[in-house]
Amino acid sequence: KSCKAIPVALGERLLTNRRHSPGKNLGVVVMSLGVALFFLSDKRHKSRNRQTEILGVILVSMALLADGIYAASQVALVQRCASEFVLMLHMNAWQTMLAI
């Protein structure tokens, strides 16, 4: 989940046809690799027997997919709204109504 920048960049590219600079793409990849290496090299948990649950992988994958779609939708909506503040007001109102 900490490598959320990858699905966000992909979602923006696929859903809004927005192109990022090569520098930003490289930054996303380098940051994600750094975070992955940091978590995989954790020596405290080497002795434990790690087990990957398929349900956990599915839930994390769904959350990353939702992040990519949500961020791309926000980019498209910002272009149609009066300001970012109005957009956030409306999005938070809809999220509150859906949560209730």
PDB file of N, CA and C in Angstrom:
ATOM      1  N   LYS A   1       0.824  -1.202   0.000  1.00  0.00           N
ATOM      2  CA  LYS A   1       0.000   0.000   0.000  1.00  0.00           C
ATOM      3  C   LYS A   1       0.860   1.253   0.000  1.00  0.00           C
ATOM      4  N   SER A   2       2.089   1.137   0.479  1.00  0.00           N
ATOM      5  CA  SER A   2       2.957   2.314   0.511  1.00  0.00           C
ATOM      6  C   SER A   2       3.466   2.694  -0.875  1.00  0.00           C
ATOM      7  N   CYS A   3       3.272   1.847  -1.860  1.00  0.00           N
ATOM      8  CA  CYS A   3       3.668   2.147  -3.248  1.00  0.00           C
ATOM      9  C   CYS A   3       2.468   2.640  -4.043  1.00  0.00           C
ATOM     10  N   LYS A   4       1.654   3.440  -3.414  1.00  0.00           N
ATOM     11  CA  LYS A   4       0.407   3.926  -3.995  1.00  0.00           C
ATOM     12  C   LYS A   4       0.636   4.836  -5.204  1.00  0.00           C
ATOM     13  N   ALA A   5       1.812   5.414  -5.333  1.00  0.00           N
ATOM     14  CA  ALA A   5       2.075   6.355  -6.425  1.00  0.00           C
ATOM     15  C   ALA A   5       2.004   5.680  -7.794  1.00  0.00           C
ATOM     16  N   ILE A   6       2.313   4.394  -7.858  1.00  0.00           N
ATOM     17  CA  ILE A   6       2.287   3.689  -9.148  1.00  0.00           C
ATOM     18  C   ILE A   6       0.860   3.577  -9.689  1.00  0.00           C
ATOM     19  N   PRO A   7      -0.109   3.049  -8.928  1.00  0.00           N
ATOM     20  CA  PRO A   7      -1.465   2.987  -9.487  1.00  0.00           C
ATOM     21  C   PRO A   7      -2.080   4.366  -9.720  1.00  0.00           C
ATOM     22  N   VAL A   8      -1.691   5.360  -8.926  1.00  0.00           N
ATOM     23  CA  VAL A   8      -2.209   6.707  -9.148  1.00  0.00           C
ATOM     24  C   VAL A   8      -1.707   7.239 -10.485  1.00  0.00           C
ATOM     25  N   ALA A   9      -0.407   7.072 -10.764  1.00  0.00           N
ATOM     26  CA  ALA A   9       0.152   7.535 -12.041  1.00  0.00           C
ATOM     27  C   ALA A   9      -0.454   6.759 -13.211  1.00  0.00           C
ATOM     28  N   LEU A  10      -0.622   5.458 -13.044  1.00  0.00           N
ATOM     29  CA  LEU A  10      -1.228   4.656 -14.113  1.00  0.00           C
ATOM     30  C   LEU A  10      -2.692   5.023 -14.329  1.00  0.00           C
ATOM     31  N   GLY A  11      -3.416   5.264 -13.248  1.00  0.00           N
ATOM     32  CA  GLY A  11      -4.818   5.650 -13.356  1.00  0.00           C
ATOM     33  C   GLY A  11      -4.971   6.989 -14.065  1.00  0.00           C
ATOM     34  N   GLU A  12      -4.101   7.941 -13.734  1.00  0.00           N
ATOM     35  CA  GLU A  12      -4.155   9.229 -14.417  1.00  0.00           C
ATOM     36  C   GLU A  12      -3.845   9.074 -15.898  1.00  0.00           C
ATOM     37  N   ARG A  13      -2.912   8.217 -16.225  1.00  0.00           N
ATOM     38  CA  ARG A  13      -2.543   8.007 -17.634  1.00  0.00           C
ATOM     39  C   ARG A  13      -3.674   7.331 -18.402  1.00  0.00           C
ATOM     40  N   LEU A  14      -4.274   6.308 -17.818  1.00  0.00           N
ATOM     41  CA  LEU A  14      -5.300   5.537 -18.513  1.00  0.00           C
ATOM     42  C   LEU A  14      -6.662   6.231 -18.547  1.00  0.00           C
ATOM     43  N   LEU A  15      -7.034   6.883 -17.464  1.00  0.00           N
ATOM     44  CA  LEU A  15      -8.378   7.443 -17.368  1.00  0.00           C
ATOM     45  C   LEU A  15      -8.477   8.893 -17.821  1.00  0.00           C
ATOM     46  N   THR A  16      -7.404   9.668 -17.679  1.00  0.00           N
ATOM     47  CA  THR A  16      -7.462  11.073 -18.062  1.00  0.00           C
ATOM     48  C   THR A  16      -6.507  11.408 -19.195  1.00  0.00           C
ATOM     49  N   ASN A  17      -5.756  10.427 -19.662  1.00  0.00           N
ATOM     50  CA  ASN A  17      -4.791  10.602 -20.750  1.00  0.00           C
ATOM     51  C   ASN A  17      -3.747  11.666 -20.414  1.00  0.00           C
ATOM     52  N   ARG A  18      -3.446  11.799 -19.138  1.00  0.00           N
ATOM     53  CA  ARG A  18      -2.463  12.775 -18.671  1.00  0.00           C
ATOM     54  C   ARG A  18      -1.081  12.139 -18.696  1.00  0.00           C
ATOM     55  N   ARG A  19      -0.151  12.796 -19.322  1.00  0.00           N
ATOM     56  CA  ARG A  19       1.224  12.284 -19.400  1.00  0.00           C
ATOM     57  C   ARG A  19       2.085  12.995 -18.360  1.00  0.00           C
ATOM     58  N   HIS A  20       2.899  12.208 -17.699  1.00  0.00           N
ATOM     59  CA  HIS A  20       3.841  12.768 -16.735  1.00  0.00           C
ATOM     60  C   HIS A  20       5.216  12.843 -17.371  1.00  0.00           C
ATOM     61  N   SER A  21       6.038  13.696 -16.822  1.00  0.00           N
ATOM     62  CA  SER A  21       7.400  13.829 -17.343  1.00  0.00           C
ATOM     63  C   SER A  21       8.195  12.571 -17.006  1.00  0.00           C
ATOM     64  N   PRO A  22       9.224  12.277 -17.792  1.00  0.00           N
ATOM     65  CA  PRO A  22      10.068  11.113 -17.479  1.00  0.00           C
ATOM     66  C   PRO A  22      10.686  11.209 -16.090  1.00  0.00           C
ATOM     67  N   GLY A  23      10.992  12.422 -15.646  1.00  0.00           N
ATOM     68  CA  GLY A  23      11.553  12.599 -14.309  1.00  0.00           C
ATOM     69  C   GLY A  23      10.579  12.195 -13.216  1.00  0.00           C
ATOM     70  N   LYS A  24       9.312  12.549 -13.391  1.00  0.00           N
ATOM     71  CA  LYS A  24       8.308  12.172 -12.395  1.00  0.00           C
ATOM     72  C   LYS A  24       8.092  10.665 -12.408  1.00  0.00           C
ATOM     73  N   ASN A  25       8.043  10.054 -13.605  1.00  0.00           N
ATOM     74  CA  ASN A  25       7.897   8.599 -13.687  1.00  0.00           C
ATOM     75  C   ASN A  25       9.063   7.889 -13.015  1.00  0.00           C
ATOM     76  N   LEU A  26      10.271   8.386 -13.260  1.00  0.00           N
ATOM     77  CA  LEU A  26      11.451   7.797 -12.632  1.00  0.00           C
ATOM     78  C   LEU A  26      11.384   7.960 -11.114  1.00  0.00           C
ATOM     79  N   GLY A  27      10.940   9.125 -10.664  1.00  0.00           N
ATOM     80  CA  GLY A  27      10.808   9.364  -9.230  1.00  0.00           C
ATOM     81  C   GLY A  27       9.825   8.413  -8.571  1.00  0.00           C
ATOM     82  N   VAL A  28       8.704   8.141  -9.234  1.00  0.00           N
ATOM     83  CA  VAL A  28       7.698   7.208  -8.706  1.00  0.00           C
ATOM     84  C   VAL A  28       8.298   5.803  -8.592  1.00  0.00           C
ATOM     85  N   VAL A  29       9.006   5.374  -9.622  1.00  0.00           N
ATOM     86  CA  VAL A  29       9.594   4.031  -9.611  1.00  0.00           C
ATOM     87  C   VAL A  29      10.682   3.926  -8.545  1.00  0.00           C
ATOM     88  N   VAL A  30      11.562   4.917  -8.463  1.00  0.00           N
ATOM     89  CA  VAL A  30      12.653   4.879  -7.483  1.00  0.00           C
ATOM     90  C   VAL A  30      12.100   4.914  -6.059  1.00  0.00           C
ATOM     91  N   MET A  31      11.092   5.763  -5.818  1.00  0.00           N
ATOM     92  CA  MET A  31      10.497   5.831  -4.482  1.00  0.00           C
ATOM     93  C   MET A  31       9.858   4.495  -4.102  1.00  0.00           C
ATOM     94  N   SER A  32       9.131   3.893  -5.029  1.00  0.00           N
ATOM     95  CA  SER A  32       8.468   2.623  -4.750  1.00  0.00           C
ATOM     96  C   SER A  32       9.482   1.508  -4.510  1.00  0.00           C
ATOM     97  N   LEU A  33      10.547   1.488  -5.298  1.00  0.00           N
ATOM     98  CA  LEU A  33      11.598   0.487  -5.078  1.00  0.00           C
ATOM     99  C   LEU A  33      12.270   0.684  -3.724  1.00  0.00           C
ATOM    100  N   GLY A  34      12.512   1.933  -3.365  1.00  0.00           N
ATOM    101  CA  GLY A  34      13.122   2.214  -2.064  1.00  0.00           C
ATOM    102  C   GLY A  34      12.249   1.764  -0.905  1.00  0.00           C
ATOM    103  N   VAL A  35      10.956   2.032  -0.992  1.00  0.00           N
ATOM    104  CA  VAL A  35      10.034   1.612   0.065  1.00  0.00           C
ATOM    105  C   VAL A  35       9.970   0.086   0.134  1.00  0.00           C
ATOM    106  N   ALA A  36       9.897  -0.572  -1.031  1.00  0.00           N
ATOM    107  CA  ALA A  36       9.839  -2.041  -1.052  1.00  0.00           C
ATOM    108  C   ALA A  36      11.107  -2.647  -0.473  1.00  0.00           C
ATOM    109  N   LEU A  37      12.265  -2.117  -0.844  1.00  0.00           N
ATOM    110  CA  LEU A  37      13.528  -2.634  -0.297  1.00  0.00           C
ATOM    111  C   LEU A  37      13.617  -2.401   1.201  1.00  0.00           C
ATOM    112  N   PHE A  38      13.136  -1.263   1.663  1.00  0.00           N
ATOM    113  CA  PHE A  38      13.157  -0.974   3.097  1.00  0.00           C
ATOM    114  C   PHE A  38      12.336  -1.996   3.875  1.00  0.00           C
ATOM    115  N   PHE A  39      11.147  -2.293   3.387  1.00  0.00           N
ATOM    116  CA  PHE A  39      10.288  -3.239   4.101  1.00  0.00           C
ATOM    117  C   PHE A  39      10.773  -4.675   3.967  1.00  0.00           C
ATOM    118  N   LEU A  40      11.342  -5.032   2.840  1.00  0.00           N
ATOM    119  CA  LEU A  40      11.811  -6.405   2.645  1.00  0.00           C
ATOM    120  C   LEU A  40      13.111  -6.685   3.391  1.00  0.00           C
ATOM    121  N   SER A  41      13.861  -5.648   3.724  1.00  0.00           N
ATOM    122  CA  SER A  41      15.140  -5.864   4.399  1.00  0.00           C
ATOM    123  C   SER A  41      15.022  -5.745   5.911  1.00  0.00           C
ATOM    124  N   ASP A  42      13.832  -5.754   6.436  1.00  0.00           N
ATOM    125  CA  ASP A  42      13.616  -5.634   7.878  1.00  0.00           C
ATOM    126  C   ASP A  42      14.164  -6.873   8.581  1.00  0.00           C
ATOM    127  N   LYS A  43      15.226  -6.705   9.350  1.00  0.00           N
ATOM    128  CA  LYS A  43      15.903  -7.840   9.981  1.00  0.00           C
ATOM    129  C   LYS A  43      15.178  -8.351  11.219  1.00  0.00           C
ATOM    130  N   ARG A  44      14.306  -7.553  11.794  1.00  0.00           N
ATOM    131  CA  ARG A  44      13.590  -7.993  12.996  1.00  0.00           C
ATOM    132  C   ARG A  44      12.663  -9.162  12.716  1.00  0.00           C
ATOM    133  N   HIS A  45      12.136  -9.255  11.502  1.00  0.00           N
ATOM    134  CA  HIS A  45      11.152 -10.284  11.190  1.00  0.00           C
ATOM    135  C   HIS A  45      11.739 -11.440  10.399  1.00  0.00           C
ATOM    136  N   LYS A  46      13.071 -11.516  10.304  1.00  0.00           N
ATOM    137  CA  LYS A  46      13.688 -12.607   9.536  1.00  0.00           C
ATOM    138  C   LYS A  46      13.429 -13.968  10.186  1.00  0.00           C
ATOM    139  N   SER A  47      13.426 -14.006  11.510  1.00  0.00           N
ATOM    140  CA  SER A  47      13.263 -15.290  12.185  1.00  0.00           C
ATOM    141  C   SER A  47      11.817 -15.787  12.130  1.00  0.00           C
ATOM    142  N   ARG A  48      10.884 -14.887  11.995  1.00  0.00           N
ATOM    143  CA  ARG A  48       9.486 -15.296  11.924  1.00  0.00           C
ATOM    144  C   ARG A  48       9.188 -15.919  10.574  1.00  0.00           C
ATOM    145  N   ASN A  49       8.239 -16.792  10.590  1.00  0.00           N
ATOM    146  CA  ASN A  49       7.804 -17.429   9.357  1.00  0.00           C
ATOM    147  C   ASN A  49       6.668 -16.595   8.777  1.00  0.00           C
ATOM    148  N   ARG A  50       6.984 -15.812   7.754  1.00  0.00           N
ATOM    149  CA  ARG A  50       5.959 -14.963   7.145  1.00  0.00           C
ATOM    150  C   ARG A  50       5.064 -15.795   6.249  1.00  0.00           C
ATOM    151  N   GLN A  51       3.785 -15.493   6.321  1.00  0.00           N
ATOM    152  CA  GLN A  51       2.819 -16.202   5.498  1.00  0.00           C
ATOM    153  C   GLN A  51       1.917 -15.167   4.830  1.00  0.00           C
ATOM    154  N   THR A  52       1.762 -15.297   3.541  1.00  0.00           N
ATOM    155  CA  THR A  52       0.933 -14.364   2.787  1.00  0.00           C
ATOM    156  C   THR A  52      -0.464 -14.941   2.651  1.00  0.00           C
ATOM    157  N   GLU A  53      -1.426 -14.166   3.091  1.00  0.00           N
ATOM    158  CA  GLU A  53      -2.816 -14.578   2.976  1.00  0.00           C
ATOM    159  C   GLU A  53      -3.365 -14.061   1.649  1.00  0.00           C
ATOM    160  N   ILE A  54      -4.040 -14.902   0.922  1.00  0.00           N
ATOM    161  CA  ILE A  54      -4.593 -14.514  -0.374  1.00  0.00           C
ATOM    162  C   ILE A  54      -5.647 -13.429  -0.208  1.00  0.00           C
ATOM    163  N   LEU A  55      -6.417 -13.472   0.860  1.00  0.00           N
ATOM    164  CA  LEU A  55      -7.419 -12.431   1.108  1.00  0.00           C
ATOM    165  C   LEU A  55      -6.752 -11.081   1.306  1.00  0.00           C
ATOM    166  N   GLY A  56      -5.646 -11.045   2.017  1.00  0.00           N
ATOM    167  CA  GLY A  56      -4.914  -9.797   2.219  1.00  0.00           C
ATOM    168  C   GLY A  56      -4.393  -9.226   0.914  1.00  0.00           C
ATOM    169  N   VAL A  57      -3.867 -10.092   0.053  1.00  0.00           N
ATOM    170  CA  VAL A  57      -3.370  -9.653  -1.249  1.00  0.00           C
ATOM    171  C   VAL A  57      -4.511  -9.100  -2.091  1.00  0.00           C
ATOM    172  N   ILE A  58      -5.651  -9.756  -2.057  1.00  0.00           N
ATOM    173  CA  ILE A  58      -6.817  -9.292  -2.823  1.00  0.00           C
ATOM    174  C   ILE A  58      -7.286  -7.938  -2.299  1.00  0.00           C
ATOM    175  N   LEU A  59      -7.369  -7.778  -0.979  1.00  0.00           N
ATOM    176  CA  LEU A  59      -7.827  -6.514  -0.405  1.00  0.00           C
ATOM    177  C   LEU A  59      -6.868  -5.364  -0.713  1.00  0.00           C
ATOM    178  N   VAL A  60      -5.571  -5.608  -0.611  1.00  0.00           N
ATOM    179  CA  VAL A  60      -4.595  -4.564  -0.929  1.00  0.00           C
ATOM    180  C   VAL A  60      -4.664  -4.208  -2.411  1.00  0.00           C
ATOM    181  N   SER A  61      -4.821  -5.212  -3.279  1.00  0.00           N
ATOM    182  CA  SER A  61      -4.931  -4.954  -4.721  1.00  0.00           C
ATOM    183  C   SER A  61      -6.168  -4.119  -5.030  1.00  0.00           C
ATOM    184  N   MET A  62      -7.282  -4.428  -4.373  1.00  0.00           N
ATOM    185  CA  MET A  62      -8.503  -3.651  -4.585  1.00  0.00           C
ATOM    186  C   MET A  62      -8.340  -2.218  -4.085  1.00  0.00           C
ATOM    187  N   ALA A  63      -7.651  -2.037  -2.956  1.00  0.00           N
ATOM    188  CA  ALA A  63      -7.422  -0.692  -2.427  1.00  0.00           C
ATOM    189  C   ALA A  63      -6.540   0.121  -3.373  1.00  0.00           C
ATOM    190  N   LEU A  64      -5.509  -0.512  -3.946  1.00  0.00           N
ATOM    191  CA  LEU A  64      -4.644   0.185  -4.891  1.00  0.00           C
ATOM    192  C   LEU A  64      -5.392   0.543  -6.166  1.00  0.00           C
ATOM    193  N   LEU A  65      -6.243  -0.353  -6.635  1.00  0.00           N
ATOM    194  CA  LEU A  65      -7.064  -0.061  -7.815  1.00  0.00           C
ATOM    195  C   LEU A  65      -7.993   1.113  -7.539  1.00  0.00           C
ATOM    196  N   ALA A  66      -8.614   1.117  -6.368  1.00  0.00           N
ATOM    197  CA  ALA A  66      -9.506   2.220  -5.999  1.00  0.00           C
ATOM    198  C   ALA A  66      -8.732   3.534  -5.892  1.00  0.00           C
ATOM    199  N   ASP A  67      -7.519   3.499  -5.362  1.00  0.00           N
ATOM    200  CA  ASP A  67      -6.701   4.711  -5.281  1.00  0.00           C
ATOM    201  C   ASP A  67      -6.407   5.269  -6.667  1.00  0.00           C
ATOM    202  N   GLY A  68      -6.089   4.391  -7.615  1.00  0.00           N
ATOM    203  CA  GLY A  68      -5.807   4.836  -8.973  1.00  0.00           C
ATOM    204  C   GLY A  68      -7.011   5.461  -9.636  1.00  0.00           C
ATOM    205  N   ILE A  69      -8.172   4.858  -9.450  1.00  0.00           N
ATOM    206  CA  ILE A  69      -9.407   5.386 -10.046  1.00  0.00           C
ATOM    207  C   ILE A  69      -9.819   6.688  -9.359  1.00  0.00           C
ATOM    208  N   TYR A  70      -9.719   6.721  -8.043  1.00  0.00           N
ATOM    209  CA  TYR A  70     -10.140   7.892  -7.271  1.00  0.00           C
ATOM    210  C   TYR A  70      -9.283   9.110  -7.612  1.00  0.00           C
ATOM    211  N   ALA A  71      -7.974   8.928  -7.665  1.00  0.00           N
ATOM    212  CA  ALA A  71      -7.078  10.053  -7.966  1.00  0.00           C
ATOM    213  C   ALA A  71      -7.300  10.560  -9.385  1.00  0.00           C
ATOM    214  N   ALA A  72      -7.471   9.657 -10.322  1.00  0.00           N
ATOM    215  CA  ALA A  72      -7.711  10.070 -11.706  1.00  0.00           C
ATOM    216  C   ALA A  72      -9.049  10.795 -11.828  1.00  0.00           C
ATOM    217  N   SER A  73     -10.042  10.346 -11.087  1.00  0.00           N
ATOM    218  CA  SER A  73     -11.350  11.020 -11.114  1.00  0.00           C
ATOM    219  C   SER A  73     -11.245  12.426 -10.553  1.00  0.00           C
ATOM    220  N   GLN A  74     -10.459  12.599  -9.502  1.00  0.00           N
ATOM    221  CA  GLN A  74     -10.285  13.920  -8.924  1.00  0.00           C
ATOM    222  C   GLN A  74      -9.609  14.865  -9.911  1.00  0.00           C
ATOM    223  N   VAL A  75      -8.615  14.376 -10.632  1.00  0.00           N
ATOM    224  CA  VAL A  75      -7.924  15.210 -11.616  1.00  0.00           C
ATOM    225  C   VAL A  75      -8.909  15.678 -12.681  1.00  0.00           C
ATOM    226  N   ALA A  76      -9.770  14.778 -13.147  1.00  0.00           N
ATOM    227  CA  ALA A  76     -10.755  15.145 -14.166  1.00  0.00           C
ATOM    228  C   ALA A  76     -11.794  16.111 -13.619  1.00  0.00           C
ATOM    229  N   LEU A  77     -12.196  15.925 -12.364  1.00  0.00           N
ATOM    230  CA  LEU A  77     -13.216  16.800 -11.777  1.00  0.00           C
ATOM    231  C   LEU A  77     -12.692  18.187 -11.450  1.00  0.00           C
ATOM    232  N   VAL A  78     -11.416  18.310 -11.094  1.00  0.00           N
ATOM    233  CA  VAL A  78     -10.846  19.611 -10.767  1.00  0.00           C
ATOM    234  C   VAL A  78     -10.944  20.544 -11.966  1.00  0.00           C
ATOM    235  N   GLN A  79     -10.816  19.996 -13.149  1.00  0.00           N
ATOM    236  CA  GLN A  79     -10.884  20.819 -14.355  1.00  0.00           C
ATOM    237  C   GLN A  79     -12.290  21.362 -14.591  1.00  0.00           C
ATOM    238  N   ARG A  80     -13.318  20.716 -14.038  1.00  0.00           N
ATOM    239  CA  ARG A  80     -14.699  21.147 -14.253  1.00  0.00           C
ATOM    240  C   ARG A  80     -15.255  21.954 -13.091  1.00  0.00           C
ATOM    241  N   CYS A  81     -14.581  21.959 -11.940  1.00  0.00           N
ATOM    242  CA  CYS A  81     -15.100  22.661 -10.763  1.00  0.00           C
ATOM    243  C   CYS A  81     -14.563  24.088 -10.694  1.00  0.00           C
ATOM    244  N   ALA A  82     -15.245  24.897  -9.901  1.00  0.00           N
ATOM    245  CA  ALA A  82     -14.828  26.283  -9.721  1.00  0.00           C
ATOM    246  C   ALA A  82     -13.487  26.366  -9.002  1.00  0.00           C
ATOM    247  N   SER A  83     -13.306  25.517  -8.002  1.00  0.00           N
ATOM    248  CA  SER A  83     -12.034  25.487  -7.271  1.00  0.00           C
ATOM    249  C   SER A  83     -11.865  24.122  -6.613  1.00  0.00           C
ATOM    250  N   GLU A  84     -10.664  23.882  -6.101  1.00  0.00           N
ATOM    251  CA  GLU A  84     -10.398  22.614  -5.416  1.00  0.00           C
ATOM    252  C   GLU A  84     -11.227  22.484  -4.149  1.00  0.00           C
ATOM    253  N   PHE A  85     -11.503  23.621  -3.501  1.00  0.00           N
ATOM    254  CA  PHE A  85     -12.254  23.603  -2.251  1.00  0.00           C
ATOM    255  C   PHE A  85     -13.705  23.195  -2.480  1.00  0.00           C
ATOM    256  N   VAL A  86     -14.291  23.671  -3.547  1.00  0.00           N
ATOM    257  CA  VAL A  86     -15.665  23.284  -3.893  1.00  0.00           C
ATOM    258  C   VAL A  86     -15.710  21.799  -4.219  1.00  0.00           C
ATOM    259  N   LEU A  87     -14.707  21.324  -4.956  1.00  0.00           N
ATOM    260  CA  LEU A  87     -14.628  19.901  -5.287  1.00  0.00           C
ATOM    261  C   LEU A  87     -14.552  19.057  -4.021  1.00  0.00           C
ATOM    262  N   MET A  88     -13.685  19.426  -3.085  1.00  0.00           N
ATOM    263  CA  MET A  88     -13.541  18.651  -1.853  1.00  0.00           C
ATOM    264  C   MET A  88     -14.812  18.703  -1.014  1.00  0.00           C
ATOM    265  N   LEU A  89     -15.492  19.831  -0.994  1.00  0.00           N
ATOM    266  CA  LEU A  89     -16.747  19.930  -0.270  1.00  0.00           C
ATOM    267  C   LEU A  89     -17.770  18.940  -0.826  1.00  0.00           C
ATOM    268  N   HIS A  90     -17.908  18.915  -2.147  1.00  0.00           N
ATOM    269  CA  HIS A  90     -18.878  18.008  -2.771  1.00  0.00           C
ATOM    270  C   HIS A  90     -18.465  16.540  -2.601  1.00  0.00           C
ATOM    271  N   MET A  91     -17.194  16.242  -2.754  1.00  0.00           N
ATOM    272  CA  MET A  91     -16.744  14.850  -2.611  1.00  0.00           C
ATOM    273  C   MET A  91     -16.937  14.363  -1.173  1.00  0.00           C
ATOM    274  N   ASN A  92     -16.610  15.208  -0.201  1.00  0.00           N
ATOM    275  CA  ASN A  92     -16.799  14.812   1.197  1.00  0.00           C
ATOM    276  C   ASN A  92     -18.273  14.663   1.540  1.00  0.00           C
ATOM    277  N   ALA A  93     -19.122  15.498   0.964  1.00  0.00           N
ATOM    278  CA  ALA A  93     -20.562  15.375   1.212  1.00  0.00           C
ATOM    279  C   ALA A  93     -21.086  14.045   0.652  1.00  0.00           C
ATOM    280  N   TRP A  94     -20.688  13.701  -0.571  1.00  0.00           N
ATOM    281  CA  TRP A  94     -21.124  12.425  -1.165  1.00  0.00           C
ATOM    282  C   TRP A  94     -20.576  11.237  -0.373  1.00  0.00           C
ATOM    283  N   GLN A  95     -19.321  11.308   0.050  1.00  0.00           N
ATOM    284  CA  GLN A  95     -18.739  10.209   0.821  1.00  0.00           C
ATOM    285  C   GLN A  95     -19.458  10.045   2.156  1.00  0.00           C
ATOM    286  N   THR A  96     -19.813  11.138   2.772  1.00  0.00           N
ATOM    287  CA  THR A  96     -20.543  11.063   4.050  1.00  0.00           C
ATOM    288  C   THR A  96     -21.915  10.431   3.842  1.00  0.00           C
ATOM    289  N   MET A  97     -22.622  10.835   2.784  1.00  0.00           N
ATOM    290  CA  MET A  97     -23.944  10.257   2.520  1.00  0.00           C
ATOM    291  C   MET A  97     -23.840   8.772   2.200  1.00  0.00           C
ATOM    292  N   LEU A  98     -22.818   8.382   1.459  1.00  0.00           N
ATOM    293  CA  LEU A  98     -22.655   6.959   1.139  1.00  0.00           C
ATOM    294  C   LEU A  98     -22.255   6.142   2.367  1.00  0.00           C
ATOM    295  N   ALA A  99     -21.508   6.751   3.272  1.00  0.00           N
ATOM    296  CA  ALA A  99     -21.088   6.038   4.481  1.00  0.00           C
ATOM    297  C   ALA A  99     -22.236   5.838   5.451  1.00  0.00           C
ATOM    298  N   ILE A 100     -23.177   6.757   5.413  1.00  0.00           N
ATOM    299  CA  ILE A 100     -24.330   6.652   6.341  1.00  0.00           C
ATOM    300  C   ILE A 100     -25.268   5.626   5.759  1.00  0.00           C
TER     301      ILE A 100
END
